[in-house]
Amino acid sequence: MMKGFDIVIDWRLLWSTFALLFVAELGDKTQLAVICTSTNSDCPRTVFLGAALALVAATLLGTLAGQVIARFVSPDVLRKGAAGLFVLMGGLMFFDKI
């Protein structure tokens, strides 16, 4: 499999990434912000387009950052670090610190 943004598509990776992010984004602050914005708007299509473009841009930045970070940090360390940050954020939220 080629790396980067080549034409070859790993369909299994595409659908597993889609499923992971779709479930992760349900009910999160991004979706709640879009719900609030669309209730105050007469142009829900514009809200959708703006939100979609924002998610594409954020995902592009995350993908590019992941490629750079992967050069210096092993995937195992990165995965454990991300898990630790999620636990930390959850703990802070649980105790109303953020």
PDB file of N, CA and C in Angstrom:
ATOM      1  N   MET A   1       0.845  -1.180   0.000  1.00  0.00           N
ATOM      2  CA  MET A   1       0.000   0.000   0.000  1.00  0.00           C
ATOM      3  C   MET A   1       0.887   1.238   0.000  1.00  0.00           C
ATOM      4  N   MET A   2       0.577   2.182  -0.864  1.00  0.00           N
ATOM      5  CA  MET A   2       1.364   3.409  -0.947  1.00  0.00           C
ATOM      6  C   MET A   2       0.981   4.359   0.179  1.00  0.00           C
ATOM      7  N   LYS A   3       1.926   5.175   0.578  1.00  0.00           N
ATOM      8  CA  LYS A   3       1.686   6.142   1.655  1.00  0.00           C
ATOM      9  C   LYS A   3       1.315   7.503   1.072  1.00  0.00           C
ATOM     10  N   GLY A   4       0.722   8.332   1.929  1.00  0.00           N
ATOM     11  CA  GLY A   4       0.380   9.687   1.522  1.00  0.00           C
ATOM     12  C   GLY A   4      -0.976   9.755   0.865  1.00  0.00           C
ATOM     13  N   PHE A   5      -1.140  10.702  -0.023  1.00  0.00           N
ATOM     14  CA  PHE A   5      -2.418  10.938  -0.685  1.00  0.00           C
ATOM     15  C   PHE A   5      -2.381  10.416  -2.119  1.00  0.00           C
ATOM     16  N   ASP A   6      -1.914   9.187  -2.301  1.00  0.00           N
ATOM     17  CA  ASP A   6      -1.857   8.582  -3.620  1.00  0.00           C
ATOM     18  C   ASP A   6      -3.246   8.127  -4.044  1.00  0.00           C
ATOM     19  N   ILE A   7      -3.364   7.688  -5.268  1.00  0.00           N
ATOM     20  CA  ILE A   7      -4.650   7.311  -5.833  1.00  0.00           C
ATOM     21  C   ILE A   7      -5.145   5.972  -5.283  1.00  0.00           C
ATOM     22  N   VAL A   8      -4.267   5.102  -4.859  1.00  0.00           N
ATOM     23  CA  VAL A   8      -4.655   3.801  -4.325  1.00  0.00           C
ATOM     24  C   VAL A   8      -5.418   3.993  -3.022  1.00  0.00           C
ATOM     25  N   ILE A   9      -6.565   3.322  -2.899  1.00  0.00           N
ATOM     26  CA  ILE A   9      -7.393   3.449  -1.700  1.00  0.00           C
ATOM     27  C   ILE A   9      -7.487   2.095  -1.013  1.00  0.00           C
ATOM     28  N   ASP A  10      -7.207   2.077   0.265  1.00  0.00           N
ATOM     29  CA  ASP A  10      -7.402   0.897   1.107  1.00  0.00           C
ATOM     30  C   ASP A  10      -8.831   0.984   1.641  1.00  0.00           C
ATOM     31  N   TRP A  11      -9.764   0.274   0.989  1.00  0.00           N
ATOM     32  CA  TRP A  11     -11.190   0.396   1.317  1.00  0.00           C
ATOM     33  C   TRP A  11     -11.498  -0.038   2.740  1.00  0.00           C
ATOM     34  N   ARG A  12     -10.823  -1.065   3.212  1.00  0.00           N
ATOM     35  CA  ARG A  12     -11.054  -1.520   4.585  1.00  0.00           C
ATOM     36  C   ARG A  12     -10.672  -0.421   5.583  1.00  0.00           C
ATOM     37  N   LEU A  13      -9.530   0.212   5.361  1.00  0.00           N
ATOM     38  CA  LEU A  13      -9.089   1.309   6.212  1.00  0.00           C
ATOM     39  C   LEU A  13     -10.048   2.495   6.103  1.00  0.00           C
ATOM     40  N   LEU A  14     -10.502   2.789   4.891  1.00  0.00           N
ATOM     41  CA  LEU A  14     -11.440   3.894   4.700  1.00  0.00           C
ATOM     42  C   LEU A  14     -12.711   3.682   5.515  1.00  0.00           C
ATOM     43  N   TRP A  15     -13.320   2.495   5.402  1.00  0.00           N
ATOM     44  CA  TRP A  15     -14.586   2.248   6.105  1.00  0.00           C
ATOM     45  C   TRP A  15     -14.392   2.108   7.611  1.00  0.00           C
ATOM     46  N   SER A  16     -13.273   1.566   8.055  1.00  0.00           N
ATOM     47  CA  SER A  16     -13.052   1.486   9.500  1.00  0.00           C
ATOM     48  C   SER A  16     -12.801   2.872  10.085  1.00  0.00           C
ATOM     49  N   THR A  17     -12.109   3.739   9.344  1.00  0.00           N
ATOM     50  CA  THR A  17     -11.916   5.114   9.791  1.00  0.00           C
ATOM     51  C   THR A  17     -13.243   5.860   9.812  1.00  0.00           C
ATOM     52  N   PHE A  18     -14.049   5.672   8.758  1.00  0.00           N
ATOM     53  CA  PHE A  18     -15.371   6.298   8.716  1.00  0.00           C
ATOM     54  C   PHE A  18     -16.209   5.874   9.914  1.00  0.00           C
ATOM     55  N   ALA A  19     -16.271   4.581  10.173  1.00  0.00           N
ATOM     56  CA  ALA A  19     -17.103   4.067  11.275  1.00  0.00           C
ATOM     57  C   ALA A  19     -16.609   4.600  12.619  1.00  0.00           C
ATOM     58  N   LEU A  20     -15.312   4.585  12.825  1.00  0.00           N
ATOM     59  CA  LEU A  20     -14.740   5.071  14.080  1.00  0.00           C
ATOM     60  C   LEU A  20     -15.080   6.537  14.317  1.00  0.00           C
ATOM     61  N   LEU A  21     -14.846   7.369  13.308  1.00  0.00           N
ATOM     62  CA  LEU A  21     -15.101   8.796  13.474  1.00  0.00           C
ATOM     63  C   LEU A  21     -16.591   9.117  13.512  1.00  0.00           C
ATOM     64  N   PHE A  22     -17.390   8.397  12.759  1.00  0.00           N
ATOM     65  CA  PHE A  22     -18.833   8.634  12.787  1.00  0.00           C
ATOM     66  C   PHE A  22     -19.378   8.404  14.189  1.00  0.00           C
ATOM     67  N   VAL A  23     -19.008   7.289  14.794  1.00  0.00           N
ATOM     68  CA  VAL A  23     -19.477   6.984  16.150  1.00  0.00           C
ATOM     69  C   VAL A  23     -18.885   7.971  17.157  1.00  0.00           C
ATOM     70  N   ALA A  24     -17.612   8.319  16.991  1.00  0.00           N
ATOM     71  CA  ALA A  24     -16.960   9.241  17.929  1.00  0.00           C
ATOM     72  C   ALA A  24     -17.570  10.641  17.869  1.00  0.00           C
ATOM     73  N   GLU A  25     -18.041  11.053  16.707  1.00  0.00           N
ATOM     74  CA  GLU A  25     -18.568  12.409  16.544  1.00  0.00           C
ATOM     75  C   GLU A  25     -20.031  12.534  16.973  1.00  0.00           C
ATOM     76  N   LEU A  26     -20.748  11.429  17.106  1.00  0.00           N
ATOM     77  CA  LEU A  26     -22.155  11.504  17.502  1.00  0.00           C
ATOM     78  C   LEU A  26     -22.269  12.089  18.904  1.00  0.00           C
ATOM     79  N   GLY A  27     -23.021  13.165  19.024  1.00  0.00           N
ATOM     80  CA  GLY A  27     -23.266  13.761  20.330  1.00  0.00           C
ATOM     81  C   GLY A  27     -22.104  14.533  20.921  1.00  0.00           C
ATOM     82  N   ASP A  28     -21.057  14.773  20.155  1.00  0.00           N
ATOM     83  CA  ASP A  28     -19.929  15.534  20.711  1.00  0.00           C
ATOM     84  C   ASP A  28     -20.182  17.031  20.561  1.00  0.00           C
ATOM     85  N   LYS A  29     -19.256  17.825  21.023  1.00  0.00           N
ATOM     86  CA  LYS A  29     -19.447  19.276  21.021  1.00  0.00           C
ATOM     87  C   LYS A  29     -19.588  19.839  19.611  1.00  0.00           C
ATOM     88  N   THR A  30     -18.952  19.221  18.626  1.00  0.00           N
ATOM     89  CA  THR A  30     -19.089  19.689  17.250  1.00  0.00           C
ATOM     90  C   THR A  30     -20.523  19.525  16.770  1.00  0.00           C
ATOM     91  N   GLN A  31     -21.093  18.354  17.018  1.00  0.00           N
ATOM     92  CA  GLN A  31     -22.469  18.121  16.590  1.00  0.00           C
ATOM     93  C   GLN A  31     -23.434  19.038  17.338  1.00  0.00           C
ATOM     94  N   LEU A  32     -23.201  19.235  18.626  1.00  0.00           N
ATOM     95  CA  LEU A  32     -24.058  20.137  19.394  1.00  0.00           C
ATOM     96  C   LEU A  32     -23.940  21.571  18.890  1.00  0.00           C
ATOM     97  N   ALA A  33     -22.743  22.001  18.513  1.00  0.00           N
ATOM     98  CA  ALA A  33     -22.559  23.346  17.963  1.00  0.00           C
ATOM     99  C   ALA A  33     -23.305  23.492  16.638  1.00  0.00           C
ATOM    100  N   VAL A  34     -23.267  22.463  15.810  1.00  0.00           N
ATOM    101  CA  VAL A  34     -23.984  22.504  14.532  1.00  0.00           C
ATOM    102  C   VAL A  34     -25.492  22.539  14.772  1.00  0.00           C
ATOM    103  N   ILE A  35     -25.967  21.768  15.733  1.00  0.00           N
ATOM    104  CA  ILE A  35     -27.398  21.783  16.055  1.00  0.00           C
ATOM    105  C   ILE A  35     -27.819  23.185  16.495  1.00  0.00           C
ATOM    106  N   CYS A  36     -27.051  23.779  17.397  1.00  0.00           N
ATOM    107  CA  CYS A  36     -27.374  25.125  17.886  1.00  0.00           C
ATOM    108  C   CYS A  36     -27.317  26.153  16.757  1.00  0.00           C
ATOM    109  N   THR A  37     -26.307  26.064  15.909  1.00  0.00           N
ATOM    110  CA  THR A  37     -26.170  27.008  14.805  1.00  0.00           C
ATOM    111  C   THR A  37     -27.319  26.864  13.820  1.00  0.00           C
ATOM    112  N   SER A  38     -27.705  25.632  13.517  1.00  0.00           N
ATOM    113  CA  SER A  38     -28.770  25.444  12.533  1.00  0.00           C
ATOM    114  C   SER A  38     -30.134  25.852  13.073  1.00  0.00           C
ATOM    115  N   THR A  39     -30.335  25.804  14.388  1.00  0.00           N
ATOM    116  CA  THR A  39     -31.621  26.248  14.934  1.00  0.00           C
ATOM    117  C   THR A  39     -31.772  27.756  14.840  1.00  0.00           C
ATOM    118  N   ASN A  40     -30.670  28.480  14.793  1.00  0.00           N
ATOM    119  CA  ASN A  40     -30.705  29.931  14.699  1.00  0.00           C
ATOM    120  C   ASN A  40     -30.520  30.427  13.274  1.00  0.00           C
ATOM    121  N   SER A  41     -30.660  29.545  12.301  1.00  0.00           N
ATOM    122  CA  SER A  41     -30.368  29.906  10.918  1.00  0.00           C
ATOM    123  C   SER A  41     -31.538  29.563  10.005  1.00  0.00           C
ATOM    124  N   ASP A  42     -31.685  30.383   8.970  1.00  0.00           N
ATOM    125  CA  ASP A  42     -32.658  30.082   7.921  1.00  0.00           C
ATOM    126  C   ASP A  42     -32.000  29.349   6.757  1.00  0.00           C
ATOM    127  N   CYS A  43     -30.720  29.061   6.883  1.00  0.00           N
ATOM    128  CA  CYS A  43     -29.957  28.412   5.812  1.00  0.00           C
ATOM    129  C   CYS A  43     -29.243  27.166   6.332  1.00  0.00           C
ATOM    130  N   PRO A  44     -29.985  26.086   6.602  1.00  0.00           N
ATOM    131  CA  PRO A  44     -29.321  24.888   7.134  1.00  0.00           C
ATOM    132  C   PRO A  44     -28.297  24.294   6.176  1.00  0.00           C
ATOM    133  N   ARG A  45     -28.490  24.470   4.875  1.00  0.00           N
ATOM    134  CA  ARG A  45     -27.500  23.952   3.919  1.00  0.00           C
ATOM    135  C   ARG A  45     -26.161  24.668   4.088  1.00  0.00           C
ATOM    136  N   THR A  46     -26.213  25.960   4.379  1.00  0.00           N
ATOM    137  CA  THR A  46     -24.989  26.727   4.597  1.00  0.00           C
ATOM    138  C   THR A  46     -24.288  26.275   5.872  1.00  0.00           C
ATOM    139  N   VAL A  47     -25.067  25.997   6.912  1.00  0.00           N
ATOM    140  CA  VAL A  47     -24.496  25.475   8.159  1.00  0.00           C
ATOM    141  C   VAL A  47     -23.825  24.131   7.887  1.00  0.00           C
ATOM    142  N   PHE A  48     -24.509  23.259   7.142  1.00  0.00           N
ATOM    143  CA  PHE A  48     -23.937  21.954   6.797  1.00  0.00           C
ATOM    144  C   PHE A  48     -22.635  22.122   6.028  1.00  0.00           C
ATOM    145  N   LEU A  49     -22.642  22.985   5.023  1.00  0.00           N
ATOM    146  CA  LEU A  49     -21.440  23.177   4.213  1.00  0.00           C
ATOM    147  C   LEU A  49     -20.288  23.726   5.052  1.00  0.00           C
ATOM    148  N   GLY A  50     -20.571  24.713   5.904  1.00  0.00           N
ATOM    149  CA  GLY A  50     -19.528  25.263   6.762  1.00  0.00           C
ATOM    150  C   GLY A  50     -18.969  24.224   7.721  1.00  0.00           C
ATOM    151  N   ALA A  51     -19.864  23.430   8.327  1.00  0.00           N
ATOM    152  CA  ALA A  51     -19.417  22.390   9.256  1.00  0.00           C
ATOM    153  C   ALA A  51     -18.617  21.314   8.527  1.00  0.00           C
ATOM    154  N   ALA A  52     -19.085  20.926   7.341  1.00  0.00           N
ATOM    155  CA  ALA A  52     -18.369  19.902   6.573  1.00  0.00           C
ATOM    156  C   ALA A  52     -16.978  20.377   6.186  1.00  0.00           C
ATOM    157  N   LEU A  53     -16.879  21.628   5.728  1.00  0.00           N
ATOM    158  CA  LEU A  53     -15.569  22.170   5.365  1.00  0.00           C
ATOM    159  C   LEU A  53     -14.649  22.256   6.576  1.00  0.00           C
ATOM    160  N   ALA A  54     -15.203  22.641   7.728  1.00  0.00           N
ATOM    161  CA  ALA A  54     -14.392  22.713   8.945  1.00  0.00           C
ATOM    162  C   ALA A  54     -13.875  21.331   9.336  1.00  0.00           C
ATOM    163  N   LEU A  55     -14.731  20.312   9.244  1.00  0.00           N
ATOM    164  CA  LEU A  55     -14.294  18.952   9.575  1.00  0.00           C
ATOM    165  C   LEU A  55     -13.246  18.440   8.595  1.00  0.00           C
ATOM    166  N   VAL A  56     -13.416  18.772   7.311  1.00  0.00           N
ATOM    167  CA  VAL A  56     -12.418  18.370   6.321  1.00  0.00           C
ATOM    168  C   VAL A  56     -11.080  19.042   6.627  1.00  0.00           C
ATOM    169  N   ALA A  57     -11.098  20.340   6.933  1.00  0.00           N
ATOM    170  CA  ALA A  57      -9.854  21.060   7.228  1.00  0.00           C
ATOM    171  C   ALA A  57      -9.185  20.510   8.492  1.00  0.00           C
ATOM    172  N   ALA A  58      -9.982  20.265   9.540  1.00  0.00           N
ATOM    173  CA  ALA A  58      -9.419  19.723  10.782  1.00  0.00           C
ATOM    174  C   ALA A  58      -8.852  18.326  10.569  1.00  0.00           C
ATOM    175  N   THR A  59      -9.550  17.529   9.763  1.00  0.00           N
ATOM    176  CA  THR A  59      -9.069  16.177   9.471  1.00  0.00           C
ATOM    177  C   THR A  59      -7.797  16.214   8.637  1.00  0.00           C
ATOM    178  N   LEU A  60      -7.716  17.142   7.701  1.00  0.00           N
ATOM    179  CA  LEU A  60      -6.495  17.304   6.907  1.00  0.00           C
ATOM    180  C   LEU A  60      -5.319  17.652   7.809  1.00  0.00           C
ATOM    181  N   LEU A  61      -5.526  18.602   8.719  1.00  0.00           N
ATOM    182  CA  LEU A  61      -4.458  18.966   9.651  1.00  0.00           C
ATOM    183  C   LEU A  61      -4.050  17.777  10.519  1.00  0.00           C
ATOM    184  N   GLY A  62      -5.041  17.025  11.006  1.00  0.00           N
ATOM    185  CA  GLY A  62      -4.738  15.852  11.821  1.00  0.00           C
ATOM    186  C   GLY A  62      -3.974  14.795  11.047  1.00  0.00           C
ATOM    187  N   THR A  63      -4.361  14.584   9.800  1.00  0.00           N
ATOM    188  CA  THR A  63      -3.682  13.593   8.956  1.00  0.00           C
ATOM    189  C   THR A  63      -2.237  14.006   8.685  1.00  0.00           C
ATOM    190  N   LEU A  64      -2.056  15.259   8.333  1.00  0.00           N
ATOM    191  CA  LEU A  64      -0.697  15.745   8.069  1.00  0.00           C
ATOM    192  C   LEU A  64       0.158  15.704   9.328  1.00  0.00           C
ATOM    193  N   ALA A  65      -0.413  16.119  10.460  1.00  0.00           N
ATOM    194  CA  ALA A  65       0.319  16.073  11.724  1.00  0.00           C
ATOM    195  C   ALA A  65       0.669  14.636  12.087  1.00  0.00           C
ATOM    196  N   GLY A  66      -0.267  13.717  11.848  1.00  0.00           N
ATOM    197  CA  GLY A  66      -0.006  12.304  12.132  1.00  0.00           C
ATOM    198  C   GLY A  66       1.150  11.758  11.316  1.00  0.00           C
ATOM    199  N   GLN A  67       1.237  12.168  10.049  1.00  0.00           N
ATOM    200  CA  GLN A  67       2.339  11.721   9.199  1.00  0.00           C
ATOM    201  C   GLN A  67       3.682  12.244   9.711  1.00  0.00           C
ATOM    202  N   VAL A  68       3.704  13.484  10.171  1.00  0.00           N
ATOM    203  CA  VAL A  68       4.944  14.071  10.690  1.00  0.00           C
ATOM    204  C   VAL A  68       5.317  13.429  12.025  1.00  0.00           C
ATOM    205  N   ILE A  69       4.335  13.306  12.922  1.00  0.00           N
ATOM    206  CA  ILE A  69       4.596  12.730  14.245  1.00  0.00           C
ATOM    207  C   ILE A  69       5.054  11.281  14.121  1.00  0.00           C
ATOM    208  N   ALA A  70       4.497  10.541  13.157  1.00  0.00           N
ATOM    209  CA  ALA A  70       4.860   9.132  12.978  1.00  0.00           C
ATOM    210  C   ALA A  70       6.339   8.945  12.632  1.00  0.00           C
ATOM    211  N   ARG A  71       6.970   9.983  12.133  1.00  0.00           N
ATOM    212  CA  ARG A  71       8.404   9.900  11.815  1.00  0.00           C
ATOM    213  C   ARG A  71       9.262   9.880  13.076  1.00  0.00           C
ATOM    214  N   PHE A  72       8.716  10.408  14.175  1.00  0.00           N
ATOM    215  CA  PHE A  72       9.501  10.559  15.393  1.00  0.00           C
ATOM    216  C   PHE A  72       8.988   9.722  16.568  1.00  0.00           C
ATOM    217  N   VAL A  73       7.721   9.317  16.515  1.00  0.00           N
ATOM    218  CA  VAL A  73       7.101   8.599  17.631  1.00  0.00           C
ATOM    219  C   VAL A  73       6.480   7.313  17.098  1.00  0.00           C
ATOM    220  N   SER A  74       6.687   6.206  17.803  1.00  0.00           N
ATOM    221  CA  SER A  74       6.119   4.937  17.348  1.00  0.00           C
ATOM    222  C   SER A  74       4.602   4.957  17.513  1.00  0.00           C
ATOM    223  N   PRO A  75       3.881   4.227  16.660  1.00  0.00           N
ATOM    224  CA  PRO A  75       2.420   4.182  16.770  1.00  0.00           C
ATOM    225  C   PRO A  75       1.944   3.702  18.142  1.00  0.00           C
ATOM    226  N   ASP A  76       2.686   2.779  18.753  1.00  0.00           N
ATOM    227  CA  ASP A  76       2.290   2.265  20.069  1.00  0.00           C
ATOM    228  C   ASP A  76       2.363   3.372  21.129  1.00  0.00           C
ATOM    229  N   VAL A  77       3.444   4.146  21.118  1.00  0.00           N
ATOM    230  CA  VAL A  77       3.593   5.252  22.071  1.00  0.00           C
ATOM    231  C   VAL A  77       2.531   6.305  21.810  1.00  0.00           C
ATOM    232  N   LEU A  78       2.270   6.595  20.558  1.00  0.00           N
ATOM    233  CA  LEU A  78       1.259   7.582  20.197  1.00  0.00           C
ATOM    234  C   LEU A  78      -0.135   7.138  20.654  1.00  0.00           C
ATOM    235  N   ARG A  79      -0.466   5.876  20.439  1.00  0.00           N
ATOM    236  CA  ARG A  79      -1.768   5.331  20.844  1.00  0.00           C
ATOM    237  C   ARG A  79      -1.935   5.397  22.361  1.00  0.00           C
ATOM    238  N   LYS A  80      -0.890   5.011  23.087  1.00  0.00           N
ATOM    239  CA  LYS A  80      -0.956   5.050  24.553  1.00  0.00           C
ATOM    240  C   LYS A  80      -1.014   6.489  25.064  1.00  0.00           C
ATOM    241  N   GLY A  81      -0.289   7.387  24.415  1.00  0.00           N
ATOM    242  CA  GLY A  81      -0.337   8.793  24.797  1.00  0.00           C
ATOM    243  C   GLY A  81      -1.723   9.391  24.570  1.00  0.00           C
ATOM    244  N   ALA A  82      -2.325   9.056  23.437  1.00  0.00           N
ATOM    245  CA  ALA A  82      -3.674   9.551  23.150  1.00  0.00           C
ATOM    246  C   ALA A  82      -4.670   8.992  24.152  1.00  0.00           C
ATOM    247  N   ALA A  83      -4.542   7.716  24.480  1.00  0.00           N
ATOM    248  CA  ALA A  83      -5.435   7.106  25.477  1.00  0.00           C
ATOM    249  C   ALA A  83      -5.278   7.791  26.830  1.00  0.00           C
ATOM    250  N   GLY A  84      -4.051   8.066  27.202  1.00  0.00           N
ATOM    251  CA  GLY A  84      -3.800   8.761  28.470  1.00  0.00           C
ATOM    252  C   GLY A  84      -4.417  10.148  28.496  1.00  0.00           C
ATOM    253  N   LEU A  85      -4.314  10.868  27.373  1.00  0.00           N
ATOM    254  CA  LEU A  85      -4.922  12.196  27.300  1.00  0.00           C
ATOM    255  C   LEU A  85      -6.448  12.121  27.393  1.00  0.00           C
ATOM    256  N   PHE A  86      -7.040  11.116  26.755  1.00  0.00           N
ATOM    257  CA  PHE A  86      -8.487  10.936  26.853  1.00  0.00           C
ATOM    258  C   PHE A  86      -8.911  10.661  28.297  1.00  0.00           C
ATOM    259  N   VAL A  87      -8.157   9.805  28.983  1.00  0.00           N
ATOM    260  CA  VAL A  87      -8.468   9.505  30.384  1.00  0.00           C
ATOM    261  C   VAL A  87      -8.320  10.766  31.235  1.00  0.00           C
ATOM    262  N   LEU A  88      -7.241  11.514  31.017  1.00  0.00           N
ATOM    263  CA  LEU A  88      -7.026  12.753  31.750  1.00  0.00           C
ATOM    264  C   LEU A  88      -8.174  13.738  31.521  1.00  0.00           C
ATOM    265  N   MET A  89      -8.545  13.940  30.266  1.00  0.00           N
ATOM    266  CA  MET A  89      -9.640  14.869  29.950  1.00  0.00           C
ATOM    267  C   MET A  89     -10.946  14.387  30.563  1.00  0.00           C
ATOM    268  N   GLY A  90     -11.208  13.086  30.498  1.00  0.00           N
ATOM    269  CA  GLY A  90     -12.421  12.541  31.109  1.00  0.00           C
ATOM    270  C   GLY A  90     -12.439  12.761  32.613  1.00  0.00           C
ATOM    271  N   GLY A  91     -11.308  12.558  33.264  1.00  0.00           N
ATOM    272  CA  GLY A  91     -11.213  12.790  34.712  1.00  0.00           C
ATOM    273  C   GLY A  91     -11.446  14.246  35.059  1.00  0.00           C
ATOM    274  N   LEU A  92     -10.844  15.148  34.296  1.00  0.00           N
ATOM    275  CA  LEU A  92     -11.047  16.573  34.542  1.00  0.00           C
ATOM    276  C   LEU A  92     -12.506  16.967  34.335  1.00  0.00           C
ATOM    277  N   MET A  93     -13.131  16.410  33.314  1.00  0.00           N
ATOM    278  CA  MET A  93     -14.542  16.701  33.079  1.00  0.00           C
ATOM    279  C   MET A  93     -15.415  16.113  34.191  1.00  0.00           C
ATOM    280  N   PHE A  94     -15.080  14.909  34.627  1.00  0.00           N
ATOM    281  CA  PHE A  94     -15.855  14.243  35.684  1.00  0.00           C
ATOM    282  C   PHE A  94     -15.857  15.071  36.965  1.00  0.00           C
ATOM    283  N   PHE A  95     -14.708  15.657  37.291  1.00  0.00           N
ATOM    284  CA  PHE A  95     -14.580  16.441  38.518  1.00  0.00           C
ATOM    285  C   PHE A  95     -14.822  17.938  38.274  1.00  0.00           C
ATOM    286  N   ASP A  96     -15.459  18.260  37.150  1.00  0.00           N
ATOM    287  CA  ASP A  96     -15.849  19.643  36.817  1.00  0.00           C
ATOM    288  C   ASP A  96     -14.676  20.619  36.833  1.00  0.00           C
ATOM    289  N   LYS A  97     -13.527  20.167  36.379  1.00  0.00           N
ATOM    290  CA  LYS A  97     -12.354  21.028  36.301  1.00  0.00           C
ATOM    291  C   LYS A  97     -12.247  21.717  34.942  1.00  0.00           C
ATOM    292  N   ILE A  98     -12.959  21.208  33.970  1.00  0.00           N
ATOM    293  CA  ILE A  98     -13.020  21.862  32.653  1.00  0.00           C
ATOM    294  C   ILE A  98     -14.439  21.824  32.142  1.00  0.00           C
TER     295      ILE A  98
END
